[in-house]
Amino acid sequence: MAFKSGRHFLQIPGPTNVPDRVLRAIDYPTMDHRGPDFGRMGLEIIEGLKYVFQTQQPVVIYPASGTGAWEAALVNCFSPGDKLLMVETGHFASLWQKMAGRLGLQVELIATDWRRGADPAAVEAKLKEDKAHAIKAVCVVHNETSTGVTSRIALIRKAIDAAGHPALLLVDTISSLASIDYRHDEWGVDVTVAGSQKGLMLPPGLSFNAVSEKARKAAQSARLPKSYWAWTRSSLPTRTATFPTRRRPICSTACARRSRCCAKRACRRCSRAMRATPRRRGARCAPGAWKSSASMPRNTATRSPR
């Protein structure tokens, strides 16, 4: 086997490199998940995540990949045969759509060429055609990992409101949360899906649902089968922030330490990145923005020709 000098530096869309201080936190001894120390840490985790999502609503933590959070969002909100409006902005948007079909949901797909984000006008037109309000939700990927294309979620919410439609808004932020600007409450999102391994710079294995009051109300009548993914009282920390055993994440100590860091710094980091990145109407192509933005930090000392 050939000798490899130096330290491996991961350069893929995700998982991302985990900071040393988080790697060291994984070394922390196992804690009693019903003890007072974990309870205090649990409160910090939840409050920190709320700040990252920019929400005052509950955030559910799952020991799962982002795929698990996709499924949790769907099975908690809908019943067999419900109709969803989904926008295909790339590979992962396509995978979410296929999952919905396997769960017994009907999907009306707005296809694109994968070069631009979701078109608010197209979403509004589809909802206006739906006089019977058969469409239960609009599902959009905020930033598509496979293409770097970003959708304007605030404009999608305005399109739903302009159509006078009661559909829920579900948003995948797996590659965008803590990387670019995102505001769950302000943008009127009902369920935000996220994962630990990209913008949060944690090891893979945690995923999240931030859940609005409207989504929690819809969950009361949703009939898709669920057990592990259910938004029940056992899915959330108790008053003392103790978690059931299944809720205890593999990297709980790292999550706590990173959540504290994100709660203080993520939004400032997002705003700096957004200001440094050229934006164009409809979408933002990340590779193109990185290439043209002189103020964005880089991993290399000098820029090589592209």
Protein backbone atom coordinates (compact mmCIF):
# COMPACT_ATOMS: atom_id res chain seq x y z
CA MET A 1 0.00 0.00 0.00
CA ALA A 2 1.42 3.39 -1.02
CA PHE A 3 2.36 5.77 1.79
CA LYS A 4 0.26 8.92 1.93
CA SER A 5 1.90 11.91 3.54
CA GLY A 6 0.08 14.74 5.23
CA ARG A 7 -3.49 14.91 6.39
CA HIS A 8 -6.45 13.88 4.27
CA PHE A 9 -8.55 16.91 3.33
CA LEU A 10 -12.02 15.97 2.11
CA GLN A 11 -13.18 18.01 -0.89
CA ILE A 12 -16.67 16.82 -1.81
CA PRO A 13 -20.11 18.48 -1.43
CA GLY A 14 -20.70 16.51 1.75
CA PRO A 15 -19.90 15.19 4.23
CA THR A 16 -17.66 18.16 4.88
CA ASN A 17 -14.49 18.32 6.95
CA VAL A 18 -15.19 18.24 10.68
CA PRO A 19 -13.33 20.89 12.75
CA ASP A 20 -10.72 19.62 15.19
CA ARG A 21 -12.60 20.90 18.23
CA VAL A 22 -15.64 18.81 17.22
CA LEU A 23 -13.48 15.74 16.57
CA ARG A 24 -12.02 16.16 20.04
CA ALA A 25 -15.52 16.44 21.52
CA ILE A 26 -16.32 12.97 20.18
CA ASP A 27 -13.64 11.72 22.57
CA TYR A 28 -15.75 12.83 25.53
CA PRO A 29 -16.85 9.95 27.80
CA THR A 30 -20.33 8.53 27.29
CA MET A 31 -22.95 10.37 29.34
CA ASP A 32 -26.14 9.24 31.06
CA HIS A 33 -28.81 10.42 28.62
CA ARG A 34 -31.25 10.86 31.53
CA GLY A 35 -28.79 12.57 33.85
CA PRO A 36 -28.61 16.28 34.74
CA ASP A 37 -25.49 16.98 32.66
CA PHE A 38 -27.05 15.66 29.49
CA GLY A 39 -30.26 17.50 30.37
CA ARG A 40 -28.45 20.83 30.53
CA MET A 41 -26.62 20.07 27.32
CA GLY A 42 -29.89 19.04 25.66
CA LEU A 43 -31.41 22.44 26.33
CA GLU A 44 -28.39 24.11 24.76
CA ILE A 45 -28.64 21.84 21.71
CA ILE A 46 -32.31 22.64 21.14
CA GLU A 47 -31.94 26.38 21.67
CA GLY A 48 -28.84 26.48 19.49
CA LEU A 49 -30.60 24.64 16.67
CA LYS A 50 -33.59 26.99 16.85
CA TYR A 51 -31.24 29.88 16.32
CA VAL A 52 -29.60 28.18 13.34
CA PHE A 53 -33.01 27.46 11.76
CA GLN A 54 -34.16 30.97 12.69
CA THR A 55 -37.29 29.64 14.34
CA GLN A 56 -39.16 29.64 17.62
CA GLN A 57 -40.87 26.37 16.66
CA PRO A 58 -39.90 22.85 17.83
CA VAL A 59 -36.93 21.11 16.23
CA VAL A 60 -36.98 17.30 16.21
CA ILE A 61 -33.61 15.49 16.20
CA TYR A 62 -33.26 12.05 14.60
CA PRO A 63 -30.24 9.72 14.64
CA ALA A 64 -30.45 9.31 10.86
CA SER A 65 -29.20 10.68 7.57
CA GLY A 66 -31.06 13.40 5.70
CA THR A 67 -33.09 10.68 4.00
CA GLY A 68 -34.64 9.88 7.37
CA ALA A 69 -35.65 13.51 7.85
CA TRP A 70 -37.21 13.47 4.36
CA GLU A 71 -39.34 10.50 5.32
CA ALA A 72 -40.23 11.97 8.71
CA ALA A 73 -41.51 15.15 7.05
CA LEU A 74 -43.71 13.18 4.66
CA VAL A 75 -45.17 10.52 6.97
CA ASN A 76 -46.06 13.02 9.69
CA CYS A 77 -47.94 15.42 7.42
CA PHE A 78 -49.84 13.28 4.93
CA SER A 79 -52.22 10.39 4.35
CA PRO A 80 -52.11 7.72 1.61
CA GLY A 81 -53.11 9.19 -1.74
CA ASP A 82 -52.43 12.82 -0.78
CA LYS A 83 -51.12 14.96 -3.63
CA LEU A 84 -47.86 16.91 -3.48
CA LEU A 85 -46.41 19.52 -5.83
CA MET A 86 -42.63 19.00 -6.11
CA VAL A 87 -40.01 20.85 -8.14
CA GLU A 88 -37.22 18.81 -9.76
CA THR A 89 -34.17 21.06 -9.47
CA GLY A 90 -31.60 18.26 -9.39
CA HIS A 91 -30.75 14.72 -8.35
CA PHE A 92 -31.77 15.00 -4.70
CA ALA A 93 -35.06 16.69 -5.51
CA SER A 94 -35.70 13.73 -7.81
CA LEU A 95 -34.89 11.26 -5.02
CA TRP A 96 -37.30 13.00 -2.62
CA GLN A 97 -40.02 12.81 -5.27
CA LYS A 98 -39.40 9.08 -5.75
CA MET A 99 -39.59 8.51 -1.99
CA ALA A 100 -42.97 10.25 -1.87
CA GLY A 101 -44.24 7.91 -4.59
CA ARG A 102 -43.03 4.82 -2.72
CA LEU A 103 -44.87 6.01 0.39
CA GLY A 104 -48.16 6.04 -1.51
CA LEU A 105 -48.39 9.77 -2.22
CA GLN A 106 -49.35 11.29 -5.57
CA VAL A 107 -46.74 13.66 -6.97
CA GLU A 108 -47.25 16.38 -9.53
CA LEU A 109 -43.76 17.25 -10.71
CA ILE A 110 -42.57 20.56 -12.12
CA ALA A 111 -39.60 19.46 -14.23
CA THR A 112 -36.65 21.76 -14.94
CA ASP A 113 -33.34 21.53 -16.79
CA TRP A 114 -31.52 21.44 -13.40
CA ARG A 115 -29.86 24.79 -14.22
CA ARG A 116 -32.15 27.05 -12.19
CA GLY A 117 -34.09 27.06 -8.96
CA ALA A 118 -37.81 26.57 -8.45
CA ASP A 119 -39.85 29.08 -10.46
CA PRO A 120 -42.34 30.87 -8.15
CA ALA A 121 -44.56 31.76 -11.14
CA ALA A 122 -44.84 28.10 -12.14
CA VAL A 123 -45.70 27.11 -8.57
CA GLU A 124 -48.36 29.84 -8.36
CA ALA A 125 -49.89 28.80 -11.69
CA LYS A 126 -50.15 25.14 -10.61
CA LEU A 127 -51.79 26.08 -7.33
CA LYS A 128 -54.29 28.40 -9.03
CA GLU A 129 -55.32 25.52 -11.28
CA ASP A 130 -56.01 23.41 -8.17
CA LYS A 131 -59.47 24.77 -7.40
CA ALA A 132 -60.33 21.81 -5.17
CA HIS A 133 -57.17 22.27 -3.07
CA ALA A 134 -56.16 18.66 -3.70
CA ILE A 135 -52.48 19.61 -3.42
CA LYS A 136 -51.51 19.26 0.23
CA ALA A 137 -47.96 20.62 0.06
CA VAL A 138 -45.27 22.21 -2.06
CA CYS A 139 -41.86 20.54 -1.64
CA VAL A 140 -38.68 22.38 -2.67
CA VAL A 141 -34.96 21.76 -2.21
CA HIS A 142 -33.38 25.02 -1.04
CA ASN A 143 -29.90 24.29 -2.34
CA GLU A 144 -29.47 21.33 -4.67
CA THR A 145 -26.25 19.53 -3.79
CA SER A 146 -25.88 17.96 -7.23
CA THR A 147 -26.01 21.24 -9.16
CA GLY A 148 -25.34 24.09 -6.73
CA VAL A 149 -28.62 25.73 -7.73
CA THR A 150 -30.49 27.64 -5.01
CA SER A 151 -34.24 28.34 -4.90
CA ARG A 152 -35.73 31.52 -3.45
CA ILE A 153 -37.85 30.11 -0.65
CA ALA A 154 -39.35 33.46 0.38
CA LEU A 155 -40.66 33.88 -3.18
CA ILE A 156 -42.13 30.37 -3.16
CA ARG A 157 -44.05 31.27 0.02
CA LYS A 158 -45.30 34.47 -1.67
CA ALA A 159 -46.45 32.41 -4.65
CA ILE A 160 -48.42 30.05 -2.39
CA ASP A 161 -50.04 33.00 -0.62
CA ALA A 162 -50.77 34.79 -3.90
CA ALA A 163 -52.62 31.70 -5.13
CA GLY A 164 -54.71 31.70 -1.95
CA HIS A 165 -53.83 28.05 -1.45
CA PRO A 166 -53.61 26.26 1.94
CA ALA A 167 -50.74 23.96 0.92
CA LEU A 168 -47.93 23.32 3.37
CA LEU A 169 -44.39 24.36 2.40
CA LEU A 170 -41.71 21.69 2.94
CA VAL A 171 -38.07 22.65 2.32
CA ASP A 172 -34.93 20.53 2.15
CA THR A 173 -31.96 22.48 3.58
CA ILE A 174 -29.55 19.58 3.89
CA SER A 175 -26.77 21.37 1.97
CA SER A 176 -27.79 24.95 2.80
CA LEU A 177 -28.48 25.23 6.53
CA ALA A 178 -25.68 27.23 8.21
CA SER A 179 -24.08 27.68 4.78
CA ILE A 180 -26.37 30.29 3.22
CA ASP A 181 -29.15 32.49 4.53
CA TYR A 182 -32.21 30.57 5.73
CA ARG A 183 -35.18 31.73 7.83
CA HIS A 184 -37.77 29.12 8.77
CA ASP A 185 -40.23 31.44 10.52
CA GLU A 186 -39.83 34.57 8.43
CA TRP A 187 -40.24 32.69 5.15
CA GLY A 188 -43.31 30.82 6.33
CA VAL A 189 -41.85 27.33 6.02
CA ASP A 190 -43.88 24.54 7.61
CA VAL A 191 -41.29 21.76 7.71
CA THR A 192 -37.56 22.26 7.26
CA VAL A 193 -35.49 19.14 6.62
CA ALA A 194 -31.79 19.26 7.51
CA GLY A 195 -28.74 17.10 8.23
CA SER A 196 -25.59 17.38 10.31
CA GLN A 197 -22.89 16.60 7.77
CA LYS A 198 -22.69 19.70 5.59
CA GLY A 199 -23.10 23.30 6.75
CA LEU A 200 -23.20 22.30 10.42
CA MET A 201 -19.80 20.60 9.94
CA LEU A 202 -20.66 17.61 12.13
CA PRO A 203 -20.12 13.93 11.40
CA PRO A 204 -22.93 12.27 9.42
CA GLY A 205 -25.69 10.63 11.43
CA LEU A 206 -28.03 13.36 12.67
CA SER A 207 -31.01 14.85 10.87
CA PHE A 208 -33.64 17.40 11.84
CA ASN A 209 -37.21 18.56 11.26
CA ALA A 210 -38.14 22.11 12.23
CA VAL A 211 -41.93 22.01 12.48
CA SER A 212 -44.47 24.86 12.29
CA GLU A 213 -47.73 24.95 14.20
CA LYS A 214 -49.63 24.40 10.92
CA ALA A 215 -47.58 21.27 10.21
CA ARG A 216 -48.18 19.93 13.73
CA LYS A 217 -51.91 20.43 13.22
CA ALA A 218 -51.76 18.55 9.91
CA ALA A 219 -49.91 15.73 11.67
CA GLN A 220 -52.91 15.11 13.94
CA SER A 221 -54.95 13.79 10.99
CA ALA A 222 -52.11 12.28 8.90
CA ARG A 223 -52.59 8.54 8.35
CA LEU A 224 -49.37 7.36 6.75
CA PRO A 225 -47.85 4.62 8.95
CA LYS A 226 -45.13 5.81 11.31
CA SER A 227 -43.57 4.90 14.60
CA TYR A 228 -39.90 5.82 14.81
CA TRP A 229 -40.43 9.02 12.79
CA ALA A 230 -43.54 10.22 14.61
CA TRP A 231 -43.65 13.79 15.97
CA THR A 232 -44.88 12.80 19.38
CA ARG A 233 -43.96 13.93 22.86
CA SER A 234 -41.27 11.26 22.92
CA SER A 235 -39.65 12.90 19.88
CA LEU A 236 -38.90 16.06 21.86
CA PRO A 237 -36.92 16.64 25.04
CA THR A 238 -38.82 16.78 28.29
CA ARG A 239 -38.93 19.85 30.53
CA THR A 240 -35.47 18.90 31.76
CA ALA A 241 -34.27 18.11 28.22
CA THR A 242 -33.66 14.41 28.85
CA PHE A 243 -34.04 12.23 25.77
CA PRO A 244 -35.24 8.67 25.25
CA THR A 245 -32.38 6.30 24.43
CA ARG A 246 -33.20 6.26 20.73
CA ARG A 247 -32.98 10.05 20.65
CA ARG A 248 -29.44 10.07 21.99
CA PRO A 249 -27.30 10.85 18.92
CA ILE A 250 -24.10 9.00 18.18
CA CYS A 251 -22.13 12.23 18.44
CA SER A 252 -24.15 13.97 21.14
CA THR A 253 -21.26 15.82 22.72
CA ALA A 254 -20.02 17.04 19.37
CA CYS A 255 -23.54 18.18 18.51
CA ALA A 256 -23.78 20.18 21.72
CA ARG A 257 -20.46 21.90 21.21
CA ARG A 258 -21.11 22.64 17.56
CA SER A 259 -24.64 23.83 18.27
CA ARG A 260 -23.29 26.39 20.73
CA CYS A 261 -20.82 27.59 18.12
CA CYS A 262 -23.48 27.75 15.40
CA ALA A 263 -25.95 29.53 17.64
CA LYS A 264 -23.46 32.36 18.06
CA ARG A 265 -21.79 32.44 14.67
CA ALA A 266 -23.80 30.71 11.93
CA CYS A 267 -26.04 33.61 10.99
CA ARG A 268 -23.13 36.05 10.91
CA ARG A 269 -21.18 33.59 8.77
CA CYS A 270 -24.15 33.12 6.43
CA SER A 271 -24.67 36.84 5.99
CA ARG A 272 -20.97 37.40 5.22
CA ALA A 273 -21.00 34.60 2.65
CA MET A 274 -24.16 35.93 1.02
CA ARG A 275 -22.75 39.44 0.77
CA ALA A 276 -19.56 38.08 -0.79
CA THR A 277 -21.40 35.95 -3.35
CA PRO A 278 -22.80 37.45 -6.58
CA ARG A 279 -26.49 36.67 -6.93
CA ARG A 280 -28.66 36.46 -10.02
CA ARG A 281 -32.37 36.23 -10.37
CA GLY A 282 -33.94 32.80 -9.94
CA ALA A 283 -30.89 30.88 -8.75
CA ARG A 284 -27.34 31.07 -7.50
CA CYS A 285 -24.86 28.63 -8.99
CA ALA A 286 -22.32 27.99 -6.25
CA PRO A 287 -19.33 26.97 -8.43
CA GLY A 288 -19.70 30.08 -10.57
CA ALA A 289 -20.01 32.29 -7.51
CA TRP A 290 -16.91 30.80 -5.91
CA LYS A 291 -14.95 31.37 -9.10
CA SER A 292 -15.85 35.03 -9.44
CA SER A 293 -15.84 36.15 -5.82
CA ALA A 294 -12.47 37.45 -4.72
CA SER A 295 -13.57 37.92 -1.10
CA MET A 296 -14.63 34.34 -0.46
CA PRO A 297 -12.10 32.31 1.59
CA ARG A 298 -10.33 29.53 -0.30
CA ASN A 299 -8.58 26.32 0.64
CA THR A 300 -5.54 26.97 -1.59
CA ALA A 301 -2.89 29.62 -1.36
CA THR A 302 -3.14 30.56 -5.04
CA ARG A 303 -5.94 30.22 -7.53
CA SER A 304 -5.30 27.79 -10.32
CA PRO A 305 -6.79 28.36 -13.81
CA ARG A 306 -10.20 26.77 -14.34
